[in-house]
Amino acid sequence: MSTFSHRPFDGLKGLLKDEHTASVKEHVPCKDTKGIADDSELFREAMSGVREIKAYRELPCRPPQHHAIKDRHDPEREAENILNEIISGKRAIPLQDTTEYVEWVNPSYRKELPRLLHEGRFSVQDFIDLHGYGVDEANDALGLFLKESMTNRKNCVKIIHGRGLRSREGPVLKSAVTRWLMKEFRKHVIAYVTARACDGGLGAIYVLLR
């Protein structure tokens, strides 16, 4: 009597062996890479024909150009700055802007003569100081001074009359002098104007004689 033998996995084992053998047989080793260029050779090939620069010239760097933005004119700020400078003493008040500034020109002559006279365009040739004089004495002294100046051809003179700051009546002599020049001495006067600050300022006047 034959013995029954059931071996279900024997066939599977044989199948696996056959497949393994087939896969081993199908494995083909890599081809010889001797003919394939490496990275260095590829780089040299790509750079063939390129010449090496032995020396190069450095271009100077241009400094960045800063375009200054012009300040917009601000009248209010400018006026404020001027006022601050006047208060701090850095700027003098223009004499023309004060109430004590005086000027006059004979209508027969150019209107700009007082301005030119005030700017010092005419050299002062002589002067008289009326400090300490009474009104009548000052009138006599001034009349004599003007007469002598014209005789000696001195056309630009200075009259120091003061400002009357210590007088309870104010600038009496100053008012009297300008009044005399406009009336009794008018025929001899071309123009008059307040002197520059360096020449007595509001306490003196320049007179241009005929």
N, C-alpha and C. Protein backbone atom coordinates (compact mmCIF):
# COMPACT_ATOMS: atom_id res chain seq x y z
N MET A 1 0.87 -1.17 0.00
CA MET A 1 0.00 0.00 0.00
C MET A 1 0.89 1.21 0.00
N SER A 2 0.63 2.03 -0.93
CA SER A 2 1.46 3.26 -1.04
C SER A 2 1.04 4.26 0.01
N THR A 3 2.06 5.00 0.46
CA THR A 3 1.81 6.04 1.49
C THR A 3 1.44 7.35 0.82
N PHE A 4 0.33 7.96 1.31
CA PHE A 4 -0.14 9.25 0.75
C PHE A 4 0.70 10.37 1.36
N SER A 5 1.21 11.17 0.51
CA SER A 5 2.03 12.31 0.98
C SER A 5 1.52 13.59 0.34
N HIS A 6 1.07 14.51 1.20
CA HIS A 6 0.55 15.81 0.70
C HIS A 6 1.55 16.91 1.08
N ARG A 7 2.21 17.44 0.08
CA ARG A 7 3.20 18.53 0.30
C ARG A 7 2.83 19.72 -0.58
N PRO A 8 1.96 20.51 -0.08
CA PRO A 8 1.45 21.62 -0.92
C PRO A 8 2.48 22.69 -1.21
N PHE A 9 3.49 22.90 -0.34
CA PHE A 9 4.44 24.01 -0.52
C PHE A 9 5.67 23.62 -1.31
N ASP A 10 5.80 22.30 -1.62
CA ASP A 10 6.98 21.89 -2.38
C ASP A 10 7.01 22.54 -3.74
N GLY A 11 5.89 22.59 -4.35
CA GLY A 11 5.83 23.23 -5.67
C GLY A 11 6.14 24.70 -5.60
N LEU A 12 5.64 25.33 -4.53
CA LEU A 12 5.88 26.77 -4.36
C LEU A 12 7.35 27.05 -4.13
N LYS A 13 8.01 26.18 -3.33
CA LYS A 13 9.43 26.36 -3.08
C LYS A 13 10.21 26.24 -4.36
N GLY A 14 9.83 25.29 -5.19
CA GLY A 14 10.52 25.15 -6.46
C GLY A 14 10.31 26.34 -7.35
N LEU A 15 9.08 26.87 -7.28
CA LEU A 15 8.78 28.05 -8.10
C LEU A 15 9.63 29.22 -7.68
N LEU A 16 9.77 29.41 -6.36
CA LEU A 16 10.59 30.52 -5.86
C LEU A 16 12.03 30.36 -6.28
N LYS A 17 12.53 29.13 -6.27
CA LYS A 17 13.91 28.91 -6.68
C LYS A 17 14.09 29.27 -8.12
N ASP A 18 13.10 28.85 -8.94
CA ASP A 18 13.21 29.16 -10.37
C ASP A 18 13.18 30.66 -10.62
N GLU A 19 12.29 31.39 -9.88
CA GLU A 19 12.21 32.85 -10.09
C GLU A 19 13.47 33.52 -9.63
N HIS A 20 14.06 33.05 -8.52
CA HIS A 20 15.29 33.65 -8.02
C HIS A 20 16.41 33.44 -9.01
N THR A 21 16.44 32.23 -9.54
CA THR A 21 17.48 31.93 -10.53
C THR A 21 17.32 32.79 -11.74
N ALA A 22 16.07 32.99 -12.14
CA ALA A 22 15.82 33.82 -13.33
C ALA A 22 16.24 35.25 -13.08
N SER A 23 15.92 35.75 -11.84
CA SER A 23 16.27 37.16 -11.57
C SER A 23 17.76 37.32 -11.51
N VAL A 24 18.45 36.32 -11.00
CA VAL A 24 19.91 36.41 -10.95
C VAL A 24 20.48 36.38 -12.35
N LYS A 25 19.91 35.53 -13.18
CA LYS A 25 20.41 35.43 -14.54
C LYS A 25 20.15 36.71 -15.32
N GLU A 26 19.01 37.38 -15.00
CA GLU A 26 18.67 38.58 -15.76
C GLU A 26 19.49 39.77 -15.33
N HIS A 27 20.14 39.76 -14.15
CA HIS A 27 20.91 40.90 -13.69
C HIS A 27 22.13 41.09 -14.56
N VAL A 28 22.22 42.20 -15.17
CA VAL A 28 23.33 42.50 -16.08
C VAL A 28 24.21 43.53 -15.41
N PRO A 29 25.46 43.25 -15.24
CA PRO A 29 26.36 44.24 -14.62
C PRO A 29 26.43 45.51 -15.46
N CYS A 30 26.73 46.71 -14.76
CA CYS A 30 26.82 48.01 -15.46
C CYS A 30 27.90 47.97 -16.50
N LYS A 31 27.65 48.69 -17.55
CA LYS A 31 28.64 48.76 -18.61
C LYS A 31 29.88 49.47 -18.11
N ASP A 32 30.95 49.26 -18.77
CA ASP A 32 32.21 49.89 -18.41
C ASP A 32 32.07 51.41 -18.54
N THR A 33 32.34 52.17 -17.43
CA THR A 33 32.20 53.65 -17.44
C THR A 33 33.51 54.34 -17.78
N LYS A 34 34.41 53.59 -18.29
CA LYS A 34 35.71 54.15 -18.58
C LYS A 34 35.62 55.23 -19.63
N GLY A 35 34.66 55.10 -20.55
CA GLY A 35 34.56 56.08 -21.64
C GLY A 35 33.75 57.29 -21.30
N ILE A 36 33.08 57.30 -20.12
CA ILE A 36 32.23 58.44 -19.75
C ILE A 36 33.07 59.45 -18.99
N ALA A 37 33.00 60.75 -19.42
CA ALA A 37 33.83 61.79 -18.80
C ALA A 37 33.29 62.14 -17.42
N ASP A 38 34.20 62.41 -16.50
CA ASP A 38 33.78 62.86 -15.17
C ASP A 38 33.51 64.36 -15.20
N ASP A 39 33.16 64.96 -14.03
CA ASP A 39 32.79 66.38 -13.96
C ASP A 39 33.92 67.30 -14.42
N SER A 40 35.15 66.97 -14.05
CA SER A 40 36.28 67.83 -14.43
C SER A 40 36.45 67.88 -15.93
N GLU A 41 36.29 66.72 -16.58
CA GLU A 41 36.44 66.69 -18.03
C GLU A 41 35.31 67.46 -18.70
N LEU A 42 34.10 67.33 -18.16
CA LEU A 42 32.98 68.08 -18.73
C LEU A 42 33.20 69.58 -18.60
N PHE A 43 33.75 70.02 -17.47
CA PHE A 43 34.00 71.45 -17.26
C PHE A 43 35.05 71.96 -18.23
N ARG A 44 36.12 71.17 -18.40
CA ARG A 44 37.19 71.58 -19.32
C ARG A 44 36.67 71.65 -20.74
N GLU A 45 35.79 70.73 -21.08
CA GLU A 45 35.23 70.73 -22.43
C GLU A 45 34.34 71.96 -22.65
N ALA A 46 33.56 72.31 -21.61
CA ALA A 46 32.68 73.47 -21.73
C ALA A 46 33.46 74.77 -21.80
N MET A 47 34.64 74.80 -21.17
CA MET A 47 35.43 76.03 -21.13
C MET A 47 36.46 76.11 -22.23
N SER A 48 36.43 75.16 -23.15
CA SER A 48 37.41 75.19 -24.23
C SER A 48 37.18 76.43 -25.09
N GLY A 49 38.26 77.11 -25.44
CA GLY A 49 38.15 78.31 -26.27
C GLY A 49 38.03 79.59 -25.46
N VAL A 50 37.86 79.46 -24.16
CA VAL A 50 37.76 80.65 -23.30
C VAL A 50 39.15 81.03 -22.84
N ARG A 51 39.51 82.34 -23.05
CA ARG A 51 40.83 82.79 -22.67
C ARG A 51 40.82 83.34 -21.25
N GLU A 52 41.84 83.03 -20.53
CA GLU A 52 41.95 83.51 -19.15
C GLU A 52 42.44 84.96 -19.17
N ILE A 53 41.80 85.80 -18.39
CA ILE A 53 42.21 87.21 -18.29
C ILE A 53 43.33 87.29 -17.27
N LYS A 54 44.52 87.65 -17.77
CA LYS A 54 45.68 87.70 -16.89
C LYS A 54 45.63 88.91 -15.96
N ALA A 55 45.12 90.01 -16.47
CA ALA A 55 45.03 91.24 -15.66
C ALA A 55 43.73 91.94 -15.99
N TYR A 56 43.18 92.64 -15.05
CA TYR A 56 41.93 93.35 -15.31
C TYR A 56 42.02 94.75 -14.71
N ARG A 57 41.23 95.61 -15.26
CA ARG A 57 41.24 97.02 -14.82
C ARG A 57 40.03 97.26 -13.93
N GLU A 58 40.31 97.79 -12.75
CA GLU A 58 39.23 98.09 -11.82
C GLU A 58 38.60 99.43 -12.17
N LEU A 59 37.32 99.43 -12.33
CA LEU A 59 36.61 100.68 -12.59
C LEU A 59 36.32 101.37 -11.26
N PRO A 60 36.66 102.65 -11.17
CA PRO A 60 36.42 103.36 -9.91
C PRO A 60 34.93 103.46 -9.62
N CYS A 61 34.61 103.28 -8.37
CA CYS A 61 33.21 103.39 -7.97
C CYS A 61 32.81 104.86 -7.88
N ARG A 62 31.76 105.22 -8.51
CA ARG A 62 31.28 106.60 -8.42
C ARG A 62 30.50 106.78 -7.12
N PRO A 63 30.84 107.82 -6.41
CA PRO A 63 30.09 108.06 -5.17
C PRO A 63 28.63 108.35 -5.48
N PRO A 64 27.76 107.91 -4.65
CA PRO A 64 26.33 108.17 -4.89
C PRO A 64 26.05 109.66 -4.91
N GLN A 65 25.27 110.07 -5.86
CA GLN A 65 24.93 111.48 -5.99
C GLN A 65 23.71 111.79 -5.13
N HIS A 66 23.93 112.75 -4.27
CA HIS A 66 22.84 113.17 -3.39
C HIS A 66 22.26 114.46 -3.94
N HIS A 67 21.07 114.40 -4.35
CA HIS A 67 20.39 115.59 -4.87
C HIS A 67 19.73 116.33 -3.70
N ALA A 68 20.34 117.46 -3.38
CA ALA A 68 19.81 118.24 -2.27
C ALA A 68 18.41 118.76 -2.59
N ILE A 69 17.56 118.62 -1.64
CA ILE A 69 16.20 119.11 -1.79
C ILE A 69 16.15 120.54 -1.29
N LYS A 70 15.82 121.44 -2.17
CA LYS A 70 15.77 122.85 -1.79
C LYS A 70 14.62 123.09 -0.81
N ASP A 71 14.99 123.84 0.21
CA ASP A 71 13.96 124.19 1.19
C ASP A 71 12.95 125.13 0.55
N ARG A 72 11.72 124.84 0.80
CA ARG A 72 10.68 125.71 0.29
C ARG A 72 10.66 127.00 1.09
N HIS A 73 10.46 128.09 0.39
CA HIS A 73 10.44 129.39 1.05
C HIS A 73 9.23 129.50 1.96
N ASP A 74 9.51 129.76 3.23
CA ASP A 74 8.45 129.87 4.22
C ASP A 74 8.53 131.26 4.84
N PRO A 75 7.72 132.21 4.39
CA PRO A 75 7.78 133.59 4.90
C PRO A 75 7.60 133.68 6.41
N GLU A 76 6.69 132.87 6.96
CA GLU A 76 6.43 132.93 8.39
C GLU A 76 7.64 132.47 9.19
N ARG A 77 8.27 131.39 8.74
CA ARG A 77 9.45 130.89 9.44
C ARG A 77 10.60 131.87 9.31
N GLU A 78 10.76 132.46 8.13
CA GLU A 78 11.82 133.44 7.92
C GLU A 78 11.64 134.65 8.84
N ALA A 79 10.40 135.13 8.95
CA ALA A 79 10.13 136.27 9.83
C ALA A 79 10.40 135.92 11.29
N GLU A 80 10.05 134.69 11.67
CA GLU A 80 10.30 134.24 13.04
C GLU A 80 11.79 134.17 13.34
N ASN A 81 12.57 133.69 12.36
CA ASN A 81 14.02 133.61 12.55
C ASN A 81 14.64 134.99 12.69
N ILE A 82 14.17 135.94 11.87
CA ILE A 82 14.68 137.30 11.95
C ILE A 82 14.36 137.92 13.31
N LEU A 83 13.13 137.70 13.78
CA LEU A 83 12.72 138.23 15.08
C LEU A 83 13.58 137.65 16.20
N ASN A 84 13.85 136.35 16.15
CA ASN A 84 14.69 135.72 17.17
C ASN A 84 16.11 136.28 17.15
N GLU A 85 16.63 136.55 15.95
CA GLU A 85 17.98 137.12 15.84
C GLU A 85 18.02 138.54 16.40
N ILE A 86 16.96 139.30 16.19
CA ILE A 86 16.90 140.66 16.72
C ILE A 86 16.84 140.63 18.24
N ILE A 87 16.02 139.73 18.79
CA ILE A 87 15.89 139.62 20.24
C ILE A 87 17.20 139.19 20.89
N SER A 88 17.91 138.27 20.24
CA SER A 88 19.18 137.77 20.79
C SER A 88 20.34 138.71 20.54
N GLY A 89 20.12 139.75 19.75
CA GLY A 89 21.18 140.72 19.47
C GLY A 89 22.06 140.36 18.30
N LYS A 90 21.73 139.28 17.59
CA LYS A 90 22.54 138.87 16.44
C LYS A 90 22.24 139.70 15.20
N ARG A 91 21.11 140.35 15.19
CA ARG A 91 20.71 141.15 14.04
C ARG A 91 20.16 142.49 14.53
N ALA A 92 20.58 143.56 13.85
CA ALA A 92 20.09 144.89 14.22
C ALA A 92 18.78 145.18 13.50
N ILE A 93 17.94 145.94 14.15
CA ILE A 93 16.67 146.33 13.52
C ILE A 93 16.98 147.35 12.43
N PRO A 94 16.52 147.12 11.21
CA PRO A 94 16.74 148.11 10.15
C PRO A 94 16.17 149.46 10.56
N LEU A 95 16.99 150.49 10.46
CA LEU A 95 16.55 151.82 10.88
C LEU A 95 15.34 152.28 10.08
N GLN A 96 15.27 151.85 8.82
CA GLN A 96 14.14 152.26 7.97
C GLN A 96 12.80 151.77 8.51
N ASP A 97 12.85 150.71 9.34
CA ASP A 97 11.61 150.12 9.84
C ASP A 97 11.18 150.72 11.18
N THR A 98 11.90 151.71 11.67
CA THR A 98 11.54 152.32 12.95
C THR A 98 10.75 153.61 12.72
N THR A 99 10.02 154.02 13.74
CA THR A 99 9.21 155.25 13.63
C THR A 99 10.08 156.50 13.71
N GLU A 100 11.32 156.37 14.15
CA GLU A 100 12.21 157.53 14.28
C GLU A 100 12.96 157.85 12.99
N TYR A 101 12.87 156.95 12.03
CA TYR A 101 13.59 157.15 10.76
C TYR A 101 12.96 158.31 10.00
N VAL A 102 13.81 159.23 9.49
CA VAL A 102 13.31 160.39 8.74
C VAL A 102 14.05 160.48 7.40
N GLU A 103 13.38 161.02 6.41
CA GLU A 103 14.01 161.27 5.12
C GLU A 103 13.18 162.29 4.34
N TRP A 104 13.85 162.96 3.46
CA TRP A 104 13.17 163.95 2.62
C TRP A 104 14.06 164.25 1.42
N VAL A 105 13.46 164.55 0.28
CA VAL A 105 14.20 164.93 -0.90
C VAL A 105 13.44 166.04 -1.61
N ASN A 106 14.18 166.99 -2.12
CA ASN A 106 13.57 168.07 -2.90
C ASN A 106 12.91 167.46 -4.13
N PRO A 107 11.66 167.81 -4.42
CA PRO A 107 10.94 167.22 -5.56
C PRO A 107 11.65 167.39 -6.90
N SER A 108 12.59 168.31 -6.99
CA SER A 108 13.31 168.53 -8.24
C SER A 108 14.42 167.51 -8.47
N TYR A 109 14.68 166.67 -7.46
CA TYR A 109 15.79 165.71 -7.55
C TYR A 109 15.27 164.27 -7.50
N ARG A 110 16.16 163.35 -7.76
CA ARG A 110 15.80 161.94 -7.83
C ARG A 110 15.29 161.43 -6.48
N LYS A 111 14.26 160.60 -6.55
CA LYS A 111 13.62 160.09 -5.34
C LYS A 111 14.51 159.14 -4.55
N GLU A 112 15.46 158.49 -5.23
CA GLU A 112 16.30 157.52 -4.53
C GLU A 112 17.48 158.15 -3.79
N LEU A 113 17.62 159.48 -3.85
CA LEU A 113 18.75 160.15 -3.19
C LEU A 113 18.80 159.88 -1.68
N PRO A 114 17.68 159.93 -0.94
CA PRO A 114 17.76 159.61 0.49
C PRO A 114 18.31 158.21 0.76
N ARG A 115 17.88 157.24 -0.03
CA ARG A 115 18.38 155.86 0.15
C ARG A 115 19.87 155.79 -0.10
N LEU A 116 20.33 156.42 -1.18
CA LEU A 116 21.76 156.42 -1.49
C LEU A 116 22.55 157.15 -0.41
N LEU A 117 21.98 158.21 0.10
CA LEU A 117 22.64 158.98 1.16
C LEU A 117 22.75 158.15 2.43
N HIS A 118 21.68 157.42 2.75
CA HIS A 118 21.67 156.58 3.95
C HIS A 118 22.64 155.41 3.82
N GLU A 119 22.82 154.91 2.62
CA GLU A 119 23.73 153.77 2.40
C GLU A 119 25.20 154.18 2.43
N GLY A 120 25.46 155.49 2.55
CA GLY A 120 26.85 155.95 2.62
C GLY A 120 27.49 156.16 1.27
N ARG A 121 26.69 156.38 0.24
CA ARG A 121 27.25 156.60 -1.10
C ARG A 121 27.92 157.97 -1.21
N PHE A 122 27.63 158.86 -0.28
CA PHE A 122 28.26 160.18 -0.27
C PHE A 122 29.13 160.30 0.98
N SER A 123 30.34 160.76 0.81
CA SER A 123 31.26 160.89 1.95
C SER A 123 30.91 162.12 2.78
N VAL A 124 30.83 161.90 4.09
CA VAL A 124 30.55 163.02 5.01
C VAL A 124 31.81 163.89 5.11
N GLN A 125 31.66 165.18 4.78
CA GLN A 125 32.80 166.09 4.75
C GLN A 125 32.94 166.93 6.01
N ASP A 126 31.88 167.05 6.77
CA ASP A 126 31.94 167.81 8.02
C ASP A 126 30.71 167.47 8.87
N PHE A 127 30.73 167.85 10.14
CA PHE A 127 29.58 167.57 11.01
C PHE A 127 29.50 168.62 12.12
N ILE A 128 28.33 168.69 12.72
CA ILE A 128 28.10 169.55 13.88
C ILE A 128 27.34 168.76 14.93
N ASP A 129 27.75 168.91 16.18
CA ASP A 129 27.10 168.22 17.30
C ASP A 129 26.31 169.24 18.11
N LEU A 130 25.00 169.10 18.14
CA LEU A 130 24.12 170.05 18.81
C LEU A 130 23.75 169.63 20.23
N HIS A 131 24.39 168.60 20.75
CA HIS A 131 24.12 168.18 22.13
C HIS A 131 24.44 169.33 23.09
N GLY A 132 23.54 169.58 24.02
CA GLY A 132 23.78 170.62 25.02
C GLY A 132 23.29 171.99 24.62
N TYR A 133 22.83 172.12 23.39
CA TYR A 133 22.32 173.41 22.92
C TYR A 133 20.84 173.53 23.26
N GLY A 134 20.42 174.78 23.54
CA GLY A 134 19.00 175.05 23.61
C GLY A 134 18.47 175.19 22.19
N VAL A 135 17.17 175.29 22.04
CA VAL A 135 16.59 175.34 20.70
C VAL A 135 17.07 176.56 19.93
N ASP A 136 17.05 177.73 20.55
CA ASP A 136 17.47 178.95 19.86
C ASP A 136 18.95 178.91 19.52
N GLU A 137 19.76 178.45 20.46
CA GLU A 137 21.21 178.36 20.23
C GLU A 137 21.50 177.36 19.11
N ALA A 138 20.78 176.27 19.11
CA ALA A 138 20.98 175.26 18.08
C ALA A 138 20.63 175.81 16.71
N ASN A 139 19.59 176.63 16.64
CA ASN A 139 19.19 177.22 15.36
C ASN A 139 20.28 178.13 14.81
N ASP A 140 20.83 178.96 15.67
CA ASP A 140 21.90 179.87 15.24
C ASP A 140 23.14 179.09 14.81
N ALA A 141 23.51 178.09 15.61
CA ALA A 141 24.71 177.31 15.32
C ALA A 141 24.56 176.54 14.02
N LEU A 142 23.39 176.00 13.79
CA LEU A 142 23.15 175.23 12.56
C LEU A 142 23.19 176.14 11.34
N GLY A 143 22.57 177.33 11.44
CA GLY A 143 22.59 178.26 10.31
C GLY A 143 24.01 178.64 9.93
N LEU A 144 24.85 178.91 10.92
CA LEU A 144 26.24 179.27 10.66
C LEU A 144 27.01 178.10 10.05
N PHE A 145 26.77 176.91 10.57
CA PHE A 145 27.46 175.71 10.08
C PHE A 145 27.12 175.44 8.62
N LEU A 146 25.86 175.54 8.26
CA LEU A 146 25.45 175.28 6.88
C LEU A 146 26.05 176.33 5.93
N LYS A 147 26.08 177.57 6.38
CA LYS A 147 26.63 178.63 5.55
C LYS A 147 28.11 178.39 5.28
N GLU A 148 28.86 178.04 6.31
CA GLU A 148 30.29 177.77 6.15
C GLU A 148 30.53 176.54 5.28
N SER A 149 29.70 175.53 5.43
CA SER A 149 29.85 174.30 4.63
C SER A 149 29.67 174.60 3.15
N MET A 150 28.66 175.38 2.80
CA MET A 150 28.43 175.71 1.39
C MET A 150 29.53 176.61 0.84
N THR A 151 30.05 177.50 1.69
CA THR A 151 31.14 178.37 1.26
C THR A 151 32.38 177.54 0.94
N ASN A 152 32.61 176.52 1.74
CA ASN A 152 33.78 175.65 1.55
C ASN A 152 33.48 174.45 0.63
N ARG A 153 32.33 174.49 -0.03
CA ARG A 153 31.91 173.46 -0.99
C ARG A 153 31.87 172.06 -0.37
N LYS A 154 31.37 172.03 0.82
CA LYS A 154 31.15 170.74 1.49
C LYS A 154 29.68 170.40 1.32
N ASN A 155 29.41 169.49 0.41
CA ASN A 155 28.03 169.20 0.03
C ASN A 155 27.35 168.14 0.88
N CYS A 156 28.11 167.32 1.58
CA CYS A 156 27.52 166.28 2.42
C CYS A 156 28.00 166.46 3.86
N VAL A 157 27.06 166.77 4.75
CA VAL A 157 27.42 167.01 6.14
C VAL A 157 26.51 166.18 7.05
N LYS A 158 26.93 166.09 8.30
CA LYS A 158 26.15 165.34 9.30
C LYS A 158 25.79 166.25 10.46
N ILE A 159 24.54 166.16 10.89
CA ILE A 159 24.06 166.93 12.03
C ILE A 159 23.69 165.95 13.14
N ILE A 160 24.36 166.08 14.29
CA ILE A 160 24.06 165.22 15.44
C ILE A 160 23.08 165.97 16.34
N HIS A 161 21.88 165.48 16.45
CA HIS A 161 20.84 166.15 17.23
C HIS A 161 20.39 165.34 18.44
N GLY A 162 20.79 164.07 18.53
CA GLY A 162 20.38 163.23 19.64
C GLY A 162 18.96 162.70 19.46
N ARG A 163 18.56 161.87 20.40
CA ARG A 163 17.23 161.26 20.34
C ARG A 163 16.30 161.75 21.44
N GLY A 164 16.82 162.52 22.34
CA GLY A 164 15.99 163.04 23.43
C GLY A 164 15.47 161.97 24.37
N LEU A 165 16.22 160.89 24.55
CA LEU A 165 15.76 159.79 25.39
C LEU A 165 15.69 160.18 26.86
N ARG A 166 16.51 161.14 27.27
CA ARG A 166 16.51 161.56 28.67
C ARG A 166 15.64 162.80 28.89
N SER A 167 15.05 163.27 27.84
CA SER A 167 14.21 164.47 27.95
C SER A 167 12.75 164.10 28.14
N ARG A 168 12.09 164.78 29.06
CA ARG A 168 10.67 164.53 29.29
C ARG A 168 9.84 164.97 28.08
N GLU A 169 10.38 165.90 27.31
CA GLU A 169 9.65 166.43 26.16
C GLU A 169 9.95 165.66 24.87
N GLY A 170 10.79 164.65 24.98
CA GLY A 170 11.11 163.85 23.81
C GLY A 170 12.22 164.48 22.97
N PRO A 171 12.35 164.04 21.72
CA PRO A 171 13.42 164.53 20.83
C PRO A 171 13.14 165.94 20.30
N VAL A 172 13.29 166.93 21.17
CA VAL A 172 12.98 168.31 20.79
C VAL A 172 13.90 168.80 19.69
N LEU A 173 15.20 168.61 19.86
CA LEU A 173 16.16 169.10 18.87
C LEU A 173 15.99 168.40 17.53
N LYS A 174 15.72 167.12 17.56
CA LYS A 174 15.54 166.38 16.31
C LYS A 174 14.36 166.94 15.52
N SER A 175 13.27 167.15 16.19
CA SER A 175 12.09 167.71 15.51
C SER A 175 12.38 169.11 14.99
N ALA A 176 13.12 169.90 15.77
CA ALA A 176 13.43 171.27 15.37
C ALA A 176 14.34 171.28 14.15
N VAL A 177 15.36 170.42 14.14
CA VAL A 177 16.31 170.39 13.02
C VAL A 177 15.61 170.02 11.72
N THR A 178 14.80 168.98 11.72
CA THR A 178 14.11 168.59 10.48
C THR A 178 13.14 169.68 10.03
N ARG A 179 12.55 170.39 10.98
CA ARG A 179 11.64 171.48 10.63
C ARG A 179 12.40 172.64 9.98
N TRP A 180 13.56 172.97 10.51
CA TRP A 180 14.36 174.06 9.95
C TRP A 180 14.84 173.72 8.53
N LEU A 181 15.25 172.44 8.37
CA LEU A 181 15.73 172.03 7.04
C LEU A 181 14.62 172.09 6.00
N MET A 182 13.40 171.89 6.44
CA MET A 182 12.27 171.90 5.51
C MET A 182 11.76 173.31 5.23
N LYS A 183 12.10 174.26 6.11
CA LYS A 183 11.57 175.62 5.95
C LYS A 183 12.67 176.64 5.66
N GLU A 184 13.27 177.19 6.73
CA GLU A 184 14.19 178.31 6.53
C GLU A 184 15.48 177.94 5.79
N PHE A 185 15.90 176.68 5.84
CA PHE A 185 17.12 176.27 5.12
C PHE A 185 16.81 175.45 3.87
N ARG A 186 15.56 175.37 3.52
CA ARG A 186 15.12 174.49 2.43
C ARG A 186 15.82 174.81 1.12
N LYS A 187 16.04 176.07 0.81
CA LYS A 187 16.63 176.45 -0.47
C LYS A 187 18.07 175.95 -0.61
N HIS A 188 18.68 175.57 0.50
CA HIS A 188 20.07 175.08 0.46
C HIS A 188 20.15 173.54 0.50
N VAL A 189 19.02 172.89 0.73
CA VAL A 189 19.02 171.44 0.97
C VAL A 189 18.47 170.67 -0.23
N ILE A 190 19.21 169.65 -0.63
CA ILE A 190 18.74 168.74 -1.68
C ILE A 190 17.99 167.56 -1.06
N ALA A 191 18.57 166.99 0.00
CA ALA A 191 17.94 165.84 0.67
C ALA A 191 18.54 165.68 2.06
N TYR A 192 17.82 164.98 2.91
CA TYR A 192 18.36 164.57 4.21
C TYR A 192 17.76 163.21 4.58
N VAL A 193 18.46 162.51 5.46
CA VAL A 193 18.02 161.17 5.85
C VAL A 193 18.71 160.78 7.15
N THR A 194 18.10 159.86 7.89
CA THR A 194 18.70 159.34 9.11
C THR A 194 20.05 158.70 8.80
N ALA A 195 21.03 158.94 9.67
CA ALA A 195 22.38 158.42 9.46
C ALA A 195 22.43 156.91 9.71
N ARG A 196 23.49 156.30 9.23
CA ARG A 196 23.71 154.88 9.48
C ARG A 196 24.00 154.65 10.96
N ALA A 197 23.83 153.40 11.40
CA ALA A 197 24.05 153.07 12.81
C ALA A 197 25.47 153.39 13.25
N CYS A 198 26.44 153.18 12.37
CA CYS A 198 27.83 153.45 12.71
C CYS A 198 28.14 154.94 12.75
N ASP A 199 27.21 155.76 12.32
CA ASP A 199 27.43 157.20 12.24
C ASP A 199 26.48 157.99 13.13
N GLY A 200 25.87 157.31 14.09
CA GLY A 200 24.96 158.00 15.00
C GLY A 200 23.54 157.50 14.91
N GLY A 201 23.22 156.79 13.82
CA GLY A 201 21.89 156.19 13.69
C GLY A 201 20.76 157.18 13.83
N LEU A 202 19.81 156.84 14.68
CA LEU A 202 18.61 157.66 14.85
C LEU A 202 18.89 158.98 15.56
N GLY A 203 20.10 159.16 16.03
CA GLY A 203 20.45 160.41 16.71
C GLY A 203 21.17 161.40 15.82
N ALA A 204 21.19 161.13 14.50
CA ALA A 204 21.89 162.04 13.58
C ALA A 204 21.26 161.93 12.19
N ILE A 205 21.53 162.92 11.36
CA ILE A 205 21.04 162.88 9.98
C ILE A 205 22.15 163.34 9.03
N TYR A 206 22.12 162.79 7.82
CA TYR A 206 22.98 163.26 6.74
C TYR A 206 22.20 164.32 5.97
N VAL A 207 22.91 165.34 5.53
CA VAL A 207 22.28 166.39 4.74
C VAL A 207 23.09 166.61 3.47
N LEU A 208 22.41 166.60 2.34
CA LEU A 208 23.05 166.86 1.05
C LEU A 208 22.71 168.29 0.65
N LEU A 209 23.74 169.12 0.51
CA LEU A 209 23.55 170.54 0.23
C LEU A 209 23.76 170.84 -1.25
N ARG A 210 23.20 171.94 -1.69
CA ARG A 210 23.36 172.37 -3.09
C ARG A 210 24.80 172.83 -3.32
